[in-house]
C-alpha atoms as a PDB file:
ATOM      1  CA  MET A   1    -130.516   8.802 -79.164  1.00  0.00           C
ATOM      2  CA  VAL A   2    -127.638   8.788 -76.724  1.00  0.00           C
ATOM      3  CA  LYS A   3    -124.210   7.269 -77.423  1.00  0.00           C
ATOM      4  CA  TYR A   4    -122.963   4.534 -75.078  1.00  0.00           C
ATOM      5  CA  GLU A   5    -119.981   2.290 -74.629  1.00  0.00           C
ATOM      6  CA  ALA A   6    -120.402  -1.176 -73.144  1.00  0.00           C
ATOM      7  CA  MET A   7    -117.582  -3.360 -71.841  1.00  0.00           C
ATOM      8  CA  PHE A   8    -118.371  -7.043 -71.412  1.00  0.00           C
ATOM      9  CA  ILE A   9    -116.327  -9.644 -69.583  1.00  0.00           C
ATOM     10  CA  ILE A  10    -117.058 -12.996 -71.205  1.00  0.00           C
ATOM     11  CA  LYS A  11    -116.290 -16.500 -69.962  1.00  0.00           C
ATOM     12  CA  PRO A  12    -112.834 -17.462 -71.275  1.00  0.00           C
ATOM     13  CA  ASP A  13    -113.675 -21.117 -71.979  1.00  0.00           C
ATOM     14  CA  LEU A  14    -116.224 -20.552 -74.780  1.00  0.00           C
ATOM     15  CA  SER A  15    -115.567 -22.127 -78.174  1.00  0.00           C
ATOM     16  CA  GLU A  16    -115.186 -19.916 -81.248  1.00  0.00           C
ATOM     17  CA  GLU A  17    -118.727 -20.788 -82.348  1.00  0.00           C
ATOM     18  CA  GLU A  18    -120.164 -19.988 -78.888  1.00  0.00           C
ATOM     19  CA  ARG A  19    -118.343 -16.637 -78.923  1.00  0.00           C
ATOM     20  CA  LYS A  20    -119.784 -15.683 -82.328  1.00  0.00           C
ATOM     21  CA  THR A  21    -123.277 -16.638 -81.145  1.00  0.00           C
ATOM     22  CA  LEU A  22    -122.869 -14.598 -77.950  1.00  0.00           C
ATOM     23  CA  PHE A  23    -121.515 -11.554 -79.814  1.00  0.00           C
ATOM     24  CA  ASN A  24    -124.523 -11.720 -82.165  1.00  0.00           C
ATOM     25  CA  GLN A  25    -126.883 -11.982 -79.173  1.00  0.00           C
ATOM     26  CA  ILE A  26    -125.273  -8.931 -77.558  1.00  0.00           C
ATOM     27  CA  GLN A  27    -125.834  -6.868 -80.710  1.00  0.00           C
ATOM     28  CA  GLU A  28    -129.381  -8.199 -81.235  1.00  0.00           C
ATOM     29  CA  VAL A  29    -130.436  -7.037 -77.763  1.00  0.00           C
ATOM     30  CA  ILE A  30    -129.375  -3.496 -78.640  1.00  0.00           C
ATOM     31  CA  GLY A  31    -131.214  -3.633 -81.967  1.00  0.00           C
ATOM     32  CA  LYS A  32    -134.409  -4.980 -80.400  1.00  0.00           C
ATOM     33  CA  ASN A  33    -134.409  -2.006 -78.019  1.00  0.00           C
ATOM     34  CA  GLN A  34    -134.297   0.646 -80.782  1.00  0.00           C
ATOM     35  CA  GLY A  35    -130.506   0.881 -80.639  1.00  0.00           C
ATOM     36  CA  TYR A  36    -127.790   0.926 -83.297  1.00  0.00           C
ATOM     37  CA  VAL A  37    -124.311  -0.641 -82.954  1.00  0.00           C
ATOM     38  CA  PHE A  38    -121.471   1.516 -84.361  1.00  0.00           C
ATOM     39  CA  SER A  39    -118.624  -0.853 -83.584  1.00  0.00           C
ATOM     40  CA  ALA A  40    -118.030  -4.087 -81.705  1.00  0.00           C
ATOM     41  CA  ALA A  41    -114.746  -5.920 -81.230  1.00  0.00           C
ATOM     42  CA  ILE A  42    -112.716  -8.007 -78.843  1.00  0.00           C
ATOM     43  CA  TRP A  43    -110.792  -5.565 -76.685  1.00  0.00           C
ATOM     44  CA  GLN A  44    -108.483  -8.107 -75.032  1.00  0.00           C
ATOM     45  CA  GLU A  45    -108.203 -11.891 -74.979  1.00  0.00           C
ATOM     46  CA  LYS A  46    -107.982 -13.712 -71.641  1.00  0.00           C
ATOM     47  CA  ARG A  47    -106.954 -10.990 -69.239  1.00  0.00           C
ATOM     48  CA  LYS A  48    -106.299 -12.101 -65.656  1.00  0.00           C
ATOM     49  CA  PHE A  49    -108.493 -10.718 -62.860  1.00  0.00           C
ATOM     50  CA  PHE A  50    -107.270  -9.375 -59.525  1.00  0.00           C
ATOM     51  CA  PHE A  51    -109.980 -11.475 -57.851  1.00  0.00           C
ATOM     52  CA  PRO A  52    -112.200 -14.319 -59.121  1.00  0.00           C
ATOM     53  CA  ILE A  53    -115.510 -13.463 -60.805  1.00  0.00           C
ATOM     54  CA  LYS A  54    -118.024 -16.322 -60.633  1.00  0.00           C
ATOM     55  CA  LYS A  55    -115.100 -18.723 -60.001  1.00  0.00           C
ATOM     56  CA  PHE A  56    -113.186 -17.563 -63.104  1.00  0.00           C
ATOM     57  CA  HIS A  57    -109.677 -16.105 -62.820  1.00  0.00           C
ATOM     58  CA  GLU A  58    -109.559 -14.603 -66.325  1.00  0.00           C
ATOM     59  CA  GLY A  59    -111.950 -13.402 -68.982  1.00  0.00           C
ATOM     60  CA  LEU A  60    -112.329 -12.123 -72.520  1.00  0.00           C
ATOM     61  CA  TYR A  61    -113.111  -8.408 -72.850  1.00  0.00           C
ATOM     62  CA  TYR A  62    -115.556  -7.313 -75.559  1.00  0.00           C
ATOM     63  CA  LEU A  63    -116.198  -3.633 -76.337  1.00  0.00           C
ATOM     64  CA  VAL A  64    -119.363  -2.313 -78.041  1.00  0.00           C
ATOM     65  CA  ASN A  65    -120.099   1.297 -79.051  1.00  0.00           C
ATOM     66  CA  PHE A  66    -123.769   1.977 -79.715  1.00  0.00           C
ATOM     67  CA  SER A  67    -126.574   4.492 -79.551  1.00  0.00           C
ATOM     68  CA  ALA A  68    -129.965   3.878 -77.956  1.00  0.00           C
ATOM     69  CA  PRO A  69    -132.776   5.732 -76.214  1.00  0.00           C
ATOM     70  CA  ALA A  70    -131.907   6.457 -72.587  1.00  0.00           C
ATOM     71  CA  SER A  71    -135.074   4.652 -71.499  1.00  0.00           C
ATOM     72  CA  ALA A  72    -133.844   1.366 -73.064  1.00  0.00           C
ATOM     73  CA  ILE A  73    -130.575   1.076 -71.120  1.00  0.00           C
ATOM     74  CA  LYS A  74    -132.111  -0.443 -67.992  1.00  0.00           C
ATOM     75  CA  GLU A  75    -133.846  -3.145 -70.049  1.00  0.00           C
ATOM     76  CA  ILE A  76    -130.679  -3.849 -72.076  1.00  0.00           C
ATOM     77  CA  ASN A  77    -128.619  -4.160 -68.896  1.00  0.00           C
ATOM     78  CA  ASN A  78    -131.161  -6.524 -67.290  1.00  0.00           C
ATOM     79  CA  ILE A  79    -131.127  -8.826 -70.321  1.00  0.00           C
ATOM     80  CA  TYR A  80    -127.318  -9.007 -70.252  1.00  0.00           C
ATOM     81  CA  LYS A  81    -127.309  -9.891 -66.555  1.00  0.00           C
ATOM     82  CA  LEU A  82    -129.459 -12.953 -67.318  1.00  0.00           C
ATOM     83  CA  ASN A  83    -126.898 -14.375 -69.766  1.00  0.00           C
ATOM     84  CA  GLU A  84    -124.694 -16.893 -67.962  1.00  0.00           C
ATOM     85  CA  ASN A  85    -121.812 -16.446 -70.453  1.00  0.00           C
ATOM     86  CA  ILE A  86    -121.451 -12.764 -69.536  1.00  0.00           C
ATOM     87  CA  LEU A  87    -119.543 -12.441 -66.261  1.00  0.00           C
ATOM     88  CA  ARG A  88    -119.840  -8.634 -66.018  1.00  0.00           C
ATOM     89  CA  VAL A  89    -121.121  -5.735 -68.074  1.00  0.00           C
ATOM     90  CA  LEU A  90    -120.566  -2.007 -67.688  1.00  0.00           C
ATOM     91  CA  ILE A  91    -122.487   0.471 -69.843  1.00  0.00           C
ATOM     92  CA  THR A  92    -121.306   4.083 -69.781  1.00  0.00           C
ATOM     93  CA  LYS A  93    -122.635   7.163 -71.521  1.00  0.00           C
ATOM     94  CA  GLN A  94    -120.240   8.812 -73.976  1.00  0.00           C
ATOM     95  CA  HIS A  95    -119.989  12.578 -73.682  1.00  0.00           C
ATOM     96  CA  ASN A  96    -119.617  14.679 -76.814  1.00  0.00           C
ATOM     97  CA  LYS A  97    -116.516  16.831 -76.933  1.00  0.00           C
END
């Protein structure tokens, strides 16, 4: 298992219930691909962008730390790209110090 950090930019106009559902979906995708979520939290509410992303000028940032097999990352990333409420996602590998 490799440790990863994922930063999501979420649509800013989602209701509280839609956010909770989306956050659960994000964590379920990791679990279904043999992963384990260590922590997940909102990193920053409604941060303005330097340029529009899918016609939005601001977004909610959501940070997830997890571990998963390296072979599952491509599949996890592809599933996130299909979700219309996720504007962007960046998954990076954490290096042990």
